[in-house]
Amino acid sequence: MKATRICLVRHGETTWNAEKRIQGQIDIGLNSAGLVQAEAAARWLSGQPVAALYSSDLLRARQTAERIAVRLRLQPHFLAEFRERRYGFFEGLTYGESRARYPAEYRLFETRDPAFVIPFGGESLQQLHERVGTALARLAVEHGGQTIVVVTHGGVLDIVNRLARGNALSNPRDFLIPNAGINWVTGDGEAWRLEAWGVTAHLNQFGLDELP
């Protein structure tokens, strides 16, 4: 099977990103800086031979994807599988507030315990890995030999980077995930290779990476 090139774009900045407030699957839209970033990413991608455009169905990703769609002249397909991780009772709180209010649970989150399911509807890293890995493999099989774009979120991109590099979920993060950053992976649904990560040359101002 021919490999698929997948360009993964983190959504543009939101007010909650700037506040270091955990969004999870709360449906927050882009702020003014994020809209500019989304348009910049769209312009950068306009010269790429993209066969299909996919996106998380959360508003901040949709707004980013819609701008890319205009430049690529493609209809975006919105998939819940590429939503941000569910952060349970951390959602709506800043990282500092989460640590202060739920110290024991935050410790498990901060140390990246793969099996820790965040209470009140959250996901574990293992669950997120399964969700994202399955969806990414399906797209690779469906688009063998093609180039596609996926607009998604920081938590999802954390999983994709580890998937492509073969790194454990529990390892401390050693890579950036900036808002509106461009990331490339190649794969056939089973084996993955990282081509480029955290590209921000298209942005006038470096995108935020507020993630822990």
Protein backbone atom coordinates (compact mmCIF):
# COMPACT_ATOMS: atom_id res chain seq x y z
CA MET A 1 0.00 0.00 0.00
CA LYS A 2 1.25 3.48 -0.86
CA ALA A 3 1.95 5.78 2.07
CA THR A 4 -0.26 8.78 2.80
CA ARG A 5 1.16 12.21 3.64
CA ILE A 6 -0.87 13.84 6.39
CA CYS A 7 -0.52 17.50 7.31
CA LEU A 8 -1.89 18.08 10.81
CA VAL A 9 -2.67 21.67 11.77
CA ARG A 10 -3.40 22.79 15.31
CA HIS A 11 -6.32 25.22 15.44
CA GLY A 12 -5.61 28.93 15.83
CA GLU A 13 -5.42 30.70 19.17
CA THR A 14 -8.41 31.12 21.48
CA THR A 15 -8.86 33.40 24.49
CA TRP A 16 -8.71 30.30 26.69
CA ASN A 17 -5.35 29.31 25.18
CA ALA A 18 -4.02 32.74 26.13
CA GLU A 19 -5.40 32.32 29.68
CA LYS A 20 -3.95 28.78 29.96
CA ARG A 21 -7.50 27.57 30.57
CA ILE A 22 -8.27 23.94 29.79
CA GLN A 23 -10.79 23.74 26.94
CA GLY A 24 -11.10 20.02 26.31
CA GLN A 25 -14.36 19.55 24.44
CA ILE A 26 -15.93 22.84 25.56
CA ASP A 27 -16.74 24.59 22.30
CA ILE A 28 -14.61 27.77 22.31
CA GLY A 29 -14.11 29.83 19.15
CA LEU A 30 -10.96 31.53 17.85
CA ASN A 31 -9.96 34.98 19.07
CA SER A 32 -8.79 37.72 16.68
CA ALA A 33 -5.19 36.44 16.74
CA GLY A 34 -6.43 32.92 16.04
CA LEU A 35 -8.41 34.04 13.01
CA VAL A 36 -5.29 35.69 11.58
CA GLN A 37 -3.28 32.53 12.27
CA ALA A 38 -5.89 30.35 10.58
CA GLU A 39 -5.78 32.50 7.46
CA ALA A 40 -1.96 32.38 7.48
CA ALA A 41 -2.01 28.59 7.67
CA ALA A 42 -4.55 28.52 4.85
CA ARG A 43 -2.33 30.66 2.62
CA TRP A 44 0.69 28.45 3.34
CA LEU A 45 -1.24 25.30 2.44
CA SER A 46 -2.75 26.75 -0.73
CA GLY A 47 0.18 25.51 -2.85
CA GLN A 48 0.01 21.94 -1.59
CA PRO A 49 -1.54 19.11 -3.69
CA VAL A 50 -4.16 18.23 -1.09
CA ALA A 51 -6.76 15.59 -1.94
CA ALA A 52 -9.00 15.91 1.12
CA LEU A 53 -9.51 18.08 4.21
CA TYR A 54 -10.62 16.73 7.58
CA SER A 55 -11.17 18.49 10.88
CA SER A 56 -12.34 18.08 14.44
CA ASP A 57 -15.95 19.23 14.69
CA LEU A 58 -15.24 21.60 17.61
CA LEU A 59 -15.72 25.27 16.73
CA ARG A 60 -12.08 26.41 17.03
CA ALA A 61 -10.97 23.65 14.65
CA ARG A 62 -13.91 24.20 12.30
CA GLN A 63 -13.13 27.92 12.02
CA THR A 64 -9.52 27.07 11.16
CA ALA A 65 -10.53 24.38 8.66
CA GLU A 66 -13.09 26.60 6.95
CA ARG A 67 -10.38 29.12 6.05
CA ILE A 68 -8.14 26.35 4.76
CA ALA A 69 -11.06 24.94 2.78
CA VAL A 70 -11.51 28.22 0.88
CA ARG A 71 -7.84 28.28 -0.17
CA LEU A 72 -7.77 24.59 -1.14
CA ARG A 73 -11.22 24.65 -2.74
CA LEU A 74 -12.20 21.57 -0.78
CA GLN A 75 -15.22 20.65 1.33
CA PRO A 76 -14.09 19.95 4.90
CA HIS A 77 -15.19 16.69 6.54
CA PHE A 78 -15.76 17.09 10.29
CA LEU A 79 -14.88 14.08 12.46
CA ALA A 80 -15.49 13.76 16.20
CA GLU A 81 -12.53 11.35 16.44
CA PHE A 82 -10.16 14.32 16.09
CA ARG A 83 -11.69 16.31 18.96
CA GLU A 84 -9.51 17.39 21.86
CA ARG A 85 -9.08 15.02 24.79
CA ARG A 86 -11.94 15.04 27.31
CA TYR A 87 -10.46 16.60 30.45
CA GLY A 88 -13.34 15.91 32.84
CA PHE A 89 -13.48 18.21 35.87
CA PHE A 90 -10.39 20.12 34.68
CA GLU A 91 -12.34 21.64 31.79
CA GLY A 92 -12.97 25.36 32.26
CA LEU A 93 -10.18 25.70 34.86
CA THR A 94 -6.68 27.02 34.32
CA TYR A 95 -3.82 24.61 34.88
CA GLY A 96 -3.03 26.40 38.14
CA GLU A 97 -6.63 26.19 39.34
CA SER A 98 -6.77 22.49 38.45
CA ARG A 99 -3.62 21.80 40.44
CA ALA A 100 -4.92 23.72 43.48
CA ARG A 101 -8.45 22.25 43.43
CA TYR A 102 -7.60 18.63 42.60
CA PRO A 103 -3.96 18.08 43.65
CA ALA A 104 -3.96 14.27 43.69
CA GLU A 105 -5.65 13.94 40.31
CA TYR A 106 -3.57 16.72 38.79
CA ARG A 107 -0.41 14.91 39.85
CA LEU A 108 -1.49 11.83 37.87
CA PHE A 109 -2.32 14.07 34.91
CA GLU A 110 0.95 16.00 35.14
CA THR A 111 3.10 12.87 35.37
CA ARG A 112 1.32 11.40 32.34
CA ASP A 113 -0.03 8.22 33.89
CA PRO A 114 -1.36 6.55 30.71
CA ALA A 115 -4.16 4.71 32.52
CA PHE A 116 -5.45 7.69 34.53
CA VAL A 117 -9.01 8.54 33.50
CA ILE A 118 -9.80 12.13 34.47
CA PRO A 119 -12.96 12.04 36.63
CA PHE A 120 -16.34 13.37 35.49
CA GLY A 121 -16.25 12.23 31.89
CA GLY A 122 -12.57 12.59 31.06
CA GLU A 123 -10.33 10.31 29.01
CA SER A 124 -7.06 8.57 29.78
CA LEU A 125 -4.04 8.94 27.51
CA GLN A 126 -4.52 5.31 26.52
CA GLN A 127 -8.10 5.96 25.47
CA LEU A 128 -7.08 9.06 23.52
CA HIS A 129 -4.27 7.11 21.83
CA GLU A 130 -6.73 4.44 20.71
CA ARG A 131 -9.23 7.00 19.39
CA VAL A 132 -6.67 9.05 17.48
CA GLY A 133 -4.57 6.14 16.24
CA THR A 134 -7.59 4.30 14.86
CA ALA A 135 -8.92 7.39 13.04
CA LEU A 136 -5.52 8.31 11.61
CA ALA A 137 -4.92 4.77 10.35
CA ARG A 138 -8.32 4.72 8.68
CA LEU A 139 -7.58 7.95 6.78
CA ALA A 140 -4.17 6.61 5.73
CA VAL A 141 -5.78 3.51 4.24
CA GLU A 142 -8.54 5.49 2.51
CA HIS A 143 -6.09 7.98 0.96
CA GLY A 144 -3.11 5.79 0.07
CA GLY A 145 -0.62 7.70 -2.07
CA GLN A 146 -2.37 11.04 -1.49
CA THR A 147 -1.78 14.13 0.64
CA ILE A 148 -4.49 15.15 3.11
CA VAL A 149 -4.91 17.80 5.82
CA VAL A 150 -6.33 17.26 9.32
CA VAL A 151 -7.15 20.22 11.59
CA THR A 152 -7.10 19.23 15.23
CA HIS A 153 -6.00 20.02 18.81
CA GLY A 154 -2.95 20.01 21.04
CA GLY A 155 -3.80 16.83 22.92
CA VAL A 156 -4.39 14.95 19.68
CA LEU A 157 -1.11 16.22 18.23
CA ASP A 158 0.72 15.05 21.35
CA ILE A 159 -0.51 11.54 20.57
CA VAL A 160 0.36 11.77 16.85
CA ASN A 161 3.94 12.85 17.56
CA ARG A 162 4.47 9.90 19.91
CA LEU A 163 2.81 7.54 17.45
CA ALA A 164 5.12 8.65 14.64
CA ARG A 165 8.28 8.56 16.77
CA GLY A 166 7.44 5.43 18.72
CA ASN A 167 7.68 7.22 22.07
CA ALA A 168 5.83 6.18 25.22
CA LEU A 169 2.75 8.11 26.35
CA SER A 170 4.37 8.56 29.76
CA ASN A 171 7.50 10.30 28.44
CA PRO A 172 7.77 14.04 29.21
CA ARG A 173 6.95 16.13 26.16
CA ASP A 174 10.08 17.20 24.25
CA PHE A 175 8.40 18.95 21.30
CA LEU A 176 6.31 22.08 20.73
CA ILE A 177 2.64 22.20 19.70
CA PRO A 178 2.06 25.85 18.71
CA ASN A 179 -1.32 27.24 17.68
CA ALA A 180 -1.66 27.07 13.87
CA GLY A 181 1.58 25.08 13.65
CA ILE A 182 2.06 22.79 10.64
CA ASN A 183 3.04 19.14 11.22
CA TRP A 184 3.69 16.39 8.66
CA VAL A 185 3.59 12.63 9.11
CA THR A 186 3.65 9.84 6.51
CA GLY A 187 2.21 6.39 6.99
CA ASP A 188 0.21 3.48 5.67
CA GLY A 189 -1.96 2.90 8.73
CA GLU A 190 0.55 0.65 10.46
CA ALA A 191 3.99 2.29 10.27
CA TRP A 192 4.46 6.05 10.65
CA ARG A 193 7.28 8.49 9.96
CA LEU A 194 7.64 12.07 11.17
CA GLU A 195 8.55 14.48 8.36
CA ALA A 196 8.31 17.91 10.03
CA TRP A 197 6.93 19.27 13.28
CA GLY A 198 5.82 22.61 14.71
CA VAL A 199 6.47 24.62 11.54
CA THR A 200 5.52 28.28 12.12
CA ALA A 201 7.34 30.10 9.30
CA HIS A 202 3.93 31.17 7.94
CA LEU A 203 3.05 33.07 11.15
CA ASN A 204 4.02 36.68 11.84
CA GLN A 205 4.08 35.89 15.54
CA PHE A 206 4.97 32.50 16.99
CA GLY A 207 1.88 30.51 18.01
CA LEU A 208 1.19 29.82 21.65
CA ASP A 209 2.14 26.51 23.21
CA GLU A 210 0.37 26.71 26.55
CA LEU A 211 0.08 22.96 27.03
CA PRO A 212 1.68 21.20 30.02
